[in-house]
Amino acid sequence: MPSESQISTPAAVKRRFAVSLALFYGTTYGVLGTHLPFFTVWLKAIGIEPGWIGIISAVPAVTRFTTLPFVTSLAERRRALRGAMILMASATALCFMLVGTQQQPLPVLGLYIVTCCCWTPLTPLTDAYALRGVARYKFDYGPVRLWGSVAFILGALACGLLIDVIAARQLIWVIVAMAAISALTALSLRPLEDVPRTSRVAEAGKPLLRDVGFLSIIFSSALIQSSHVAYYTFASINWQNHGLGGLTIAGLWTLGVCAEIVVFAVSPRFSLHPAGLVLIGGLSAVLRWSITAHEPQIAVLAVTQLGHGLSFGLTQVGVMNLMVRHVPPRQMARGQGYYAATGGLLSAATSIASGVIYARYGEGLYYVMAAMAAAGALVIWSARHRLTAHPQSEASGG
């Protein structure tokens, strides 16, 4: 008898599920698109000092290795992914509204911590819900997830337009409005029954944290991706200080995301080993941050922003492919947890340190980020033979 996941589903039901999911992806990443480039601009506008901005900006990274695993695990155990998504999206909107009522560092920090405890689990919850839908309704994940990246760009552009019209102190309410829309769209998500799991013989394998190859993957990724922290935290502030308008700032962010989308779109055609992709991504980050540290002209800066497709996108593609090749399927969830925790911890520490360094050295902070990326590239280069020697077989998912 065929399993539930093999039973054909009417096209209309599948379409409604995919459309509601795409809409939620769009509004959720729309929140990120309004938040990431301009939340620090709002913090600066209400008088928060750079040191505090660095500490506050570290909160999402901290919750990624503390609260996030607890929330996602609880939702999984209770088989309540959709309910958790609705609850977290609603709480996120409410908490962002409360953050907007504050202007002093400590209250902003306290409320932002609560906000991120609700907000950061949304992406992994949505991905888990989406992948179950892929198994249940047999649709392609990529075209649905694409709307998240598109919405990020639109959100950043909207804020870029508005910052030239409204006071920077009002930007928080744009984020609040987007979060409220996300909460409303969560209500349209379709209920989804559990897909029966097939049994799999567990593969033999040593603990991941004793596997030098695995440790090389997560540490190299953490170093390269965390080198973007200065960009995420201070790029908009720095560009604004150099006289760039809101629309120009949004356009620069958009260039980076567009380059990232292109890399993700063409990644199935890459023939280079994943370790090589990560190495190229790390070296691209070194070049990108070294150029950015020199306060380049707008034309050079625009070209540099296209490097985001390599420094972030190519690194991400390489790391995910390495995880598939190197981590046994029965340990993949644990491996992803270690991966997220390592990146979150280093990002949090980097964010805190970057506030202090930027306050004293300004654009010189990017040299520190270039050094981090170089260290990540060195780690993956040193482990290249270990990672290419024993990939998982096709039967085991690699």
Protein backbone atom coordinates (compact mmCIF):
# COMPACT_ATOMS: atom_id res chain seq x y z
CA MET A 1 0.00 0.00 0.00
CA PRO A 2 1.50 3.40 -0.93
CA SER A 3 2.43 5.75 1.90
CA GLU A 4 0.56 9.00 2.47
CA SER A 5 3.36 10.96 0.83
CA GLN A 6 2.86 8.94 -2.36
CA ILE A 7 -0.88 9.50 -2.65
CA SER A 8 -1.64 12.04 -5.38
CA THR A 9 -2.96 15.37 -4.12
CA PRO A 10 -5.40 17.54 -6.08
CA ALA A 11 -3.59 20.36 -7.87
CA ALA A 12 -5.74 23.03 -6.24
CA VAL A 13 -4.84 21.87 -2.72
CA LYS A 14 -1.15 21.76 -3.58
CA ARG A 15 -1.34 25.21 -5.16
CA ARG A 16 -3.05 26.72 -2.12
CA PHE A 17 -0.41 25.25 0.17
CA ALA A 18 2.45 26.53 -2.02
CA VAL A 19 0.94 29.99 -2.44
CA SER A 20 0.32 30.47 1.29
CA LEU A 21 3.85 29.26 2.06
CA ALA A 22 5.38 31.56 -0.57
CA LEU A 23 3.42 34.46 0.87
CA PHE A 24 4.65 33.71 4.37
CA TYR A 25 8.23 33.33 3.17
CA GLY A 26 7.87 36.69 1.45
CA THR A 27 6.50 38.58 4.45
CA THR A 28 8.93 36.91 6.88
CA TYR A 29 11.95 37.84 4.80
CA GLY A 30 10.36 41.23 4.21
CA VAL A 31 10.79 41.81 7.96
CA LEU A 32 14.45 40.89 7.61
CA GLY A 33 14.80 43.19 4.60
CA THR A 34 13.51 46.17 6.56
CA HIS A 35 15.38 45.23 9.72
CA LEU A 36 18.90 44.23 8.64
CA PRO A 37 19.92 47.37 6.73
CA PHE A 38 18.09 49.95 8.85
CA PHE A 39 17.58 48.76 12.45
CA THR A 40 21.04 50.03 13.39
CA VAL A 41 20.25 53.34 11.66
CA TRP A 42 17.21 53.63 13.95
CA LEU A 43 19.36 52.80 16.98
CA LYS A 44 21.80 55.56 16.04
CA ALA A 45 18.92 58.00 15.42
CA ILE A 46 17.53 57.54 18.95
CA GLY A 47 20.97 58.21 20.43
CA ILE A 48 22.35 54.72 21.07
CA GLU A 49 26.18 54.72 21.16
CA PRO A 50 28.21 52.45 18.80
CA GLY A 51 29.31 50.20 21.65
CA TRP A 52 25.70 49.55 22.64
CA ILE A 53 24.73 49.11 18.98
CA GLY A 54 27.28 46.31 18.74
CA ILE A 55 25.91 44.61 21.86
CA ILE A 56 22.27 44.94 20.76
CA SER A 57 23.12 43.68 17.27
CA ALA A 58 24.65 40.56 18.81
CA VAL A 59 21.32 39.42 20.25
CA PRO A 60 19.97 37.54 17.18
CA ALA A 61 23.20 35.55 16.95
CA VAL A 62 23.04 34.67 20.65
CA THR A 63 19.45 33.45 20.41
CA ARG A 64 20.42 31.26 17.44
CA PHE A 65 22.53 29.03 19.71
CA THR A 66 20.38 29.31 22.87
CA THR A 67 16.63 29.80 22.47
CA LEU A 68 16.25 28.72 18.84
CA PRO A 69 17.12 25.01 19.32
CA PHE A 70 14.73 24.79 22.28
CA VAL A 71 11.80 26.33 20.38
CA THR A 72 12.26 24.24 17.24
CA SER A 73 12.71 21.04 19.26
CA LEU A 74 9.58 21.75 21.31
CA ALA A 75 7.51 22.43 18.18
CA GLU A 76 8.78 19.21 16.60
CA ARG A 77 8.01 17.09 19.67
CA ARG A 78 4.50 18.49 19.90
CA ARG A 79 3.96 18.20 16.13
CA ALA A 80 2.89 21.83 16.07
CA LEU A 81 5.05 23.52 13.43
CA ARG A 82 2.22 25.59 11.99
CA GLY A 83 0.98 26.63 15.43
CA ALA A 84 4.48 27.59 16.51
CA MET A 85 4.92 29.67 13.35
CA ILE A 86 1.69 31.56 13.99
CA LEU A 87 2.58 32.11 17.65
CA MET A 88 6.15 33.24 16.97
CA ALA A 89 5.14 35.57 14.13
CA SER A 90 2.47 37.24 16.28
CA ALA A 91 4.80 37.59 19.26
CA THR A 92 7.51 39.04 17.02
CA ALA A 93 5.20 41.80 15.78
CA LEU A 94 4.11 42.67 19.34
CA CYS A 95 7.67 42.71 20.67
CA PHE A 96 9.00 44.91 17.86
CA MET A 97 6.22 47.36 18.68
CA LEU A 98 7.35 47.43 22.32
CA VAL A 99 10.96 47.96 21.25
CA GLY A 100 9.84 51.01 19.29
CA THR A 101 8.51 52.66 22.45
CA GLN A 102 11.96 52.73 24.07
CA GLN A 103 14.96 55.02 23.59
CA GLN A 104 17.43 54.00 26.30
CA PRO A 105 20.02 51.25 25.74
CA LEU A 106 19.04 48.86 28.54
CA PRO A 107 15.26 48.79 27.87
CA VAL A 108 15.90 48.46 24.13
CA LEU A 109 18.32 45.60 24.78
CA GLY A 110 15.93 43.80 27.14
CA LEU A 111 12.95 43.99 24.82
CA TYR A 112 15.06 43.14 21.78
CA ILE A 113 16.21 39.97 23.52
CA VAL A 114 12.58 38.91 23.97
CA THR A 115 11.85 39.88 20.35
CA CYS A 116 14.68 37.76 18.97
CA CYS A 117 13.69 34.78 21.11
CA CYS A 118 10.42 34.82 19.16
CA TRP A 119 11.81 35.93 15.80
CA THR A 120 14.94 33.86 15.13
CA PRO A 121 13.15 30.45 15.31
CA LEU A 122 10.78 31.49 12.49
CA THR A 123 13.14 30.68 9.62
CA PRO A 124 14.05 27.11 10.71
CA LEU A 125 10.40 26.45 11.65
CA THR A 126 9.29 27.64 8.21
CA ASP A 127 11.93 25.56 6.45
CA ALA A 128 10.86 22.46 8.38
CA TYR A 129 7.20 23.11 7.53
CA ALA A 130 8.12 23.70 3.87
CA LEU A 131 10.13 20.49 3.54
CA ARG A 132 7.27 18.47 5.00
CA GLY A 133 5.04 20.11 2.44
CA VAL A 134 7.45 19.17 -0.33
CA ALA A 135 7.18 15.52 0.75
CA ARG A 136 3.41 15.67 1.15
CA TYR A 137 2.42 17.64 -1.97
CA LYS A 138 5.38 16.99 -4.28
CA PHE A 139 6.23 20.57 -5.31
CA ASP A 140 9.63 22.22 -5.84
CA TYR A 141 11.10 24.04 -2.85
CA GLY A 142 13.23 26.56 -4.77
CA PRO A 143 10.51 28.57 -6.55
CA VAL A 144 8.63 28.96 -3.26
CA ARG A 145 11.69 29.95 -1.21
CA LEU A 146 12.71 32.43 -3.91
CA TRP A 147 9.98 34.83 -2.78
CA GLY A 148 11.79 35.28 0.50
CA SER A 149 14.83 36.74 -1.24
CA VAL A 150 12.65 38.89 -3.49
CA ALA A 151 10.79 40.26 -0.47
CA PHE A 152 14.06 41.02 1.29
CA ILE A 153 15.04 43.25 -1.62
CA LEU A 154 11.63 44.95 -1.73
CA GLY A 155 11.70 45.56 2.02
CA ALA A 156 15.15 47.12 1.85
CA LEU A 157 14.13 49.30 -1.10
CA ALA A 158 10.96 50.42 0.69
CA CYS A 159 12.96 51.51 3.72
CA GLY A 160 15.48 53.19 1.45
CA LEU A 161 12.71 55.28 -0.10
CA LEU A 162 11.12 56.07 3.24
CA ILE A 163 14.33 57.14 4.98
CA ASP A 164 14.50 60.12 2.61
CA VAL A 165 10.91 61.03 3.48
CA ILE A 166 10.48 60.24 7.17
CA ALA A 167 12.77 60.76 10.16
CA ALA A 168 15.17 57.90 10.88
CA ARG A 169 13.59 57.68 14.34
CA GLN A 170 10.40 56.41 12.68
CA LEU A 171 12.01 53.50 10.82
CA ILE A 172 11.14 51.09 13.61
CA TRP A 173 7.45 51.43 12.72
CA VAL A 174 8.14 50.25 9.18
CA ILE A 175 9.65 47.10 10.70
CA VAL A 176 6.66 46.76 13.04
CA ALA A 177 4.22 47.08 10.13
CA MET A 178 6.05 44.41 8.14
CA ALA A 179 6.11 42.09 11.15
CA ALA A 180 2.35 42.59 11.61
CA ILE A 181 1.75 41.65 7.96
CA SER A 182 3.88 38.54 8.49
CA ALA A 183 1.76 37.57 11.50
CA LEU A 184 -1.43 37.97 9.46
CA THR A 185 -0.12 35.86 6.58
CA ALA A 186 0.82 33.11 9.05
CA LEU A 187 -2.90 32.60 9.62
CA SER A 188 -3.28 31.59 5.97
CA LEU A 189 -0.83 28.68 6.28
CA ARG A 190 -2.47 25.36 5.50
CA PRO A 191 -2.63 22.59 8.12
CA LEU A 192 -0.21 19.81 7.30
CA GLU A 193 -0.41 16.24 8.48
CA ASP A 194 2.77 14.46 9.44
CA VAL A 195 4.44 12.53 6.64
CA PRO A 196 5.26 8.99 7.75
CA ARG A 197 8.97 8.46 8.10
CA THR A 198 10.70 5.55 6.43
CA SER A 199 13.06 3.50 8.54
CA ARG A 200 16.78 3.68 7.77
CA VAL A 201 19.60 1.55 9.02
CA ALA A 202 21.89 3.73 11.09
CA GLU A 203 25.34 4.13 9.62
CA ALA A 204 28.40 3.64 11.71
CA GLY A 205 30.37 6.76 12.39
CA LYS A 206 32.41 8.49 15.03
CA PRO A 207 30.99 11.41 17.04
CA LEU A 208 30.93 14.59 14.99
CA LEU A 209 32.82 16.65 17.54
CA ARG A 210 35.73 14.19 17.26
CA ASP A 211 35.72 14.41 13.47
CA VAL A 212 38.41 16.86 12.36
CA GLY A 213 36.84 17.16 8.91
CA PHE A 214 33.47 18.16 10.33
CA LEU A 215 35.07 20.62 12.73
CA SER A 216 36.95 22.16 9.82
CA ILE A 217 33.69 22.67 7.94
CA ILE A 218 31.83 24.42 10.76
CA PHE A 219 34.78 26.53 11.93
CA SER A 220 35.74 27.70 8.45
CA SER A 221 32.13 28.63 7.73
CA ALA A 222 31.76 30.41 11.07
CA LEU A 223 34.88 32.50 10.41
CA ILE A 224 33.96 33.43 6.83
CA GLN A 225 30.26 34.13 7.48
CA SER A 226 30.95 35.98 10.74
CA SER A 227 33.30 38.27 8.82
CA HIS A 228 30.08 39.78 7.41
CA VAL A 229 29.05 41.04 10.87
CA ALA A 230 30.68 44.45 10.46
CA TYR A 231 28.88 44.85 7.14
CA TYR A 232 25.51 43.86 8.59
CA THR A 233 25.93 46.10 11.63
CA PHE A 234 27.72 49.25 10.46
CA ALA A 235 27.57 49.44 6.66
CA SER A 236 24.39 51.53 6.53
CA ILE A 237 25.61 53.84 9.29
CA ASN A 238 28.98 54.27 7.59
CA TRP A 239 27.46 54.94 4.18
CA GLN A 240 25.06 57.45 5.69
CA ASN A 241 27.98 59.22 7.38
CA HIS A 242 29.63 59.50 3.95
CA GLY A 243 26.59 61.28 2.55
CA LEU A 244 24.80 58.45 0.76
CA GLY A 245 21.00 58.69 0.67
CA GLY A 246 18.58 56.06 1.84
CA LEU A 247 17.70 54.87 -1.66
CA THR A 248 21.38 54.51 -2.56
CA ILE A 249 22.01 52.53 0.63
CA ALA A 250 19.06 50.26 -0.11
CA GLY A 251 20.33 49.84 -3.67
CA LEU A 252 23.73 48.72 -2.41
CA TRP A 253 22.13 46.14 -0.14
CA THR A 254 19.95 45.00 -3.03
CA LEU A 255 22.96 44.46 -5.29
CA GLY A 256 24.42 42.08 -2.73
CA VAL A 257 21.22 40.07 -2.38
CA CYS A 258 20.74 39.91 -6.17
CA ALA A 259 24.25 38.49 -6.54
CA GLU A 260 23.44 35.95 -3.83
CA ILE A 261 20.26 34.90 -5.65
CA VAL A 262 22.16 34.41 -8.90
CA VAL A 263 24.75 32.20 -7.19
CA PHE A 264 22.03 30.08 -5.58
CA ALA A 265 20.23 29.79 -8.91
CA VAL A 266 23.24 28.57 -10.89
CA SER A 267 24.82 26.50 -8.09
CA PRO A 268 23.62 23.13 -9.53
CA ARG A 269 26.02 23.74 -12.43
CA PHE A 270 29.10 24.11 -10.23
CA SER A 271 31.59 21.29 -10.84
CA LEU A 272 34.28 22.33 -8.35
CA HIS A 273 34.51 20.35 -5.10
CA PRO A 274 32.54 22.04 -2.27
CA ALA A 275 35.72 22.65 -0.28
CA GLY A 276 37.01 24.64 -3.24
CA LEU A 277 33.80 26.69 -3.27
CA VAL A 278 34.24 27.57 0.40
CA LEU A 279 37.87 28.50 -0.23
CA ILE A 280 36.87 30.83 -3.07
CA GLY A 281 34.14 32.31 -0.89
CA GLY A 282 36.62 33.01 1.91
CA LEU A 283 39.20 34.58 -0.39
CA SER A 284 36.47 36.69 -1.99
CA ALA A 285 35.53 37.96 1.47
CA VAL A 286 39.16 38.91 2.13
CA LEU A 287 39.25 40.96 -1.09
CA ARG A 288 35.81 42.45 -0.47
CA TRP A 289 36.55 43.70 3.05
CA SER A 290 40.03 44.94 2.12
CA ILE A 291 38.52 47.14 -0.61
CA THR A 292 35.65 48.31 1.62
CA ALA A 293 38.12 49.46 4.29
CA HIS A 294 39.52 52.03 1.84
CA GLU A 295 36.25 54.01 1.59
CA PRO A 296 35.86 53.35 -2.17
CA GLN A 297 33.90 55.53 -4.56
CA ILE A 298 30.27 54.58 -5.17
CA ALA A 299 31.03 52.81 -8.48
CA VAL A 300 33.73 50.63 -6.87
CA LEU A 301 31.51 50.05 -3.86
CA ALA A 302 28.71 48.82 -6.11
CA VAL A 303 31.03 46.28 -7.76
CA THR A 304 32.29 45.25 -4.33
CA GLN A 305 28.72 44.63 -3.20
CA LEU A 306 28.31 42.11 -6.01
CA GLY A 307 30.99 40.16 -4.21
CA HIS A 308 28.34 39.18 -1.67
CA GLY A 309 27.34 36.45 -4.09
CA LEU A 310 30.75 34.86 -3.56
CA SER A 311 31.64 35.82 0.02
CA PHE A 312 28.25 34.74 1.39
CA GLY A 313 26.39 32.79 -1.31
CA LEU A 314 29.22 30.61 -2.59
CA THR A 315 30.39 29.88 0.95
CA GLN A 316 26.88 28.81 1.92
CA VAL A 317 26.52 26.55 -1.12
CA GLY A 318 29.90 24.95 -0.46
CA VAL A 319 29.25 24.36 3.22
CA MET A 320 25.83 22.79 2.65
CA ASN A 321 27.27 20.44 0.03
CA LEU A 322 30.13 19.52 2.37
CA MET A 323 27.63 18.71 5.12
CA VAL A 324 25.71 16.40 2.78
CA ARG A 325 28.92 14.65 1.70
CA HIS A 326 30.62 14.42 5.09
CA VAL A 327 27.89 14.01 7.72
CA PRO A 328 25.99 10.69 7.89
CA PRO A 329 22.22 11.18 7.44
CA ARG A 330 21.45 9.89 10.94
CA GLN A 331 23.65 12.67 12.37
CA MET A 332 22.58 15.48 10.03
CA ALA A 333 20.21 17.21 12.48
CA ARG A 334 22.88 17.17 15.17
CA GLY A 335 25.45 18.40 12.66
CA GLN A 336 23.22 21.31 11.62
CA GLY A 337 22.77 22.16 15.30
CA TYR A 338 26.52 22.29 15.90
CA TYR A 339 26.89 24.33 12.71
CA ALA A 340 24.27 26.90 13.76
CA ALA A 341 25.57 27.12 17.33
CA THR A 342 29.17 27.69 16.23
CA GLY A 343 28.20 30.38 13.74
CA GLY A 344 25.85 32.07 16.20
CA LEU A 345 28.42 32.12 19.00
CA LEU A 346 31.17 33.58 16.83
CA SER A 347 28.79 36.09 15.24
CA ALA A 348 27.68 37.28 18.68
CA ALA A 349 31.25 37.72 19.89
CA THR A 350 32.22 39.47 16.65
CA SER A 351 29.25 41.81 16.86
CA ILE A 352 30.14 42.89 20.38
CA ALA A 353 33.81 43.40 19.49
CA SER A 354 32.96 45.22 16.26
CA GLY A 355 31.08 47.95 18.14
CA VAL A 356 34.18 48.75 20.19
CA ILE A 357 36.53 48.56 17.19
CA TYR A 358 34.30 50.70 14.95
CA ALA A 359 33.96 53.38 17.62
CA ARG A 360 37.77 53.73 17.66
CA TYR A 361 38.93 52.84 14.15
CA GLY A 362 35.90 53.32 11.88
CA GLU A 363 36.39 51.60 8.52
CA GLY A 364 39.53 49.95 9.89
CA LEU A 365 37.12 47.38 11.33
CA TYR A 366 36.95 45.80 7.88
CA TYR A 367 40.60 44.79 8.08
CA VAL A 368 39.72 42.69 11.12
CA MET A 369 36.90 41.10 9.14
CA ALA A 370 39.29 40.38 6.26
CA ALA A 371 41.62 38.63 8.71
CA MET A 372 38.72 36.48 9.97
CA ALA A 373 37.78 35.46 6.44
CA ALA A 374 41.42 34.64 5.68
CA ALA A 375 41.52 32.40 8.75
CA GLY A 376 38.38 30.61 7.53
CA ALA A 377 39.91 30.10 4.08
CA LEU A 378 43.08 28.73 5.69
CA VAL A 379 41.09 26.24 7.80
CA ILE A 380 39.21 24.82 4.80
CA TRP A 381 42.36 24.73 2.65
CA SER A 382 44.21 22.81 5.36
CA ALA A 383 41.39 20.24 5.53
CA ARG A 384 40.85 19.90 1.77
CA HIS A 385 42.44 16.44 1.46
CA ARG A 386 40.54 15.11 4.47
CA LEU A 387 37.23 16.37 3.04
CA THR A 388 37.80 14.93 -0.43
CA ALA A 389 39.12 11.55 0.67
CA HIS A 390 36.02 9.87 2.08
CA PRO A 391 32.74 11.39 0.90
CA GLN A 392 29.49 9.67 1.84
CA SER A 393 28.17 7.21 -0.72
CA GLU A 394 25.06 7.90 -2.70
CA ALA A 395 23.26 5.26 -0.72
CA SER A 396 23.86 7.17 2.46
CA GLY A 397 22.74 10.47 1.04
CA GLY A 398 26.02 12.08 0.04
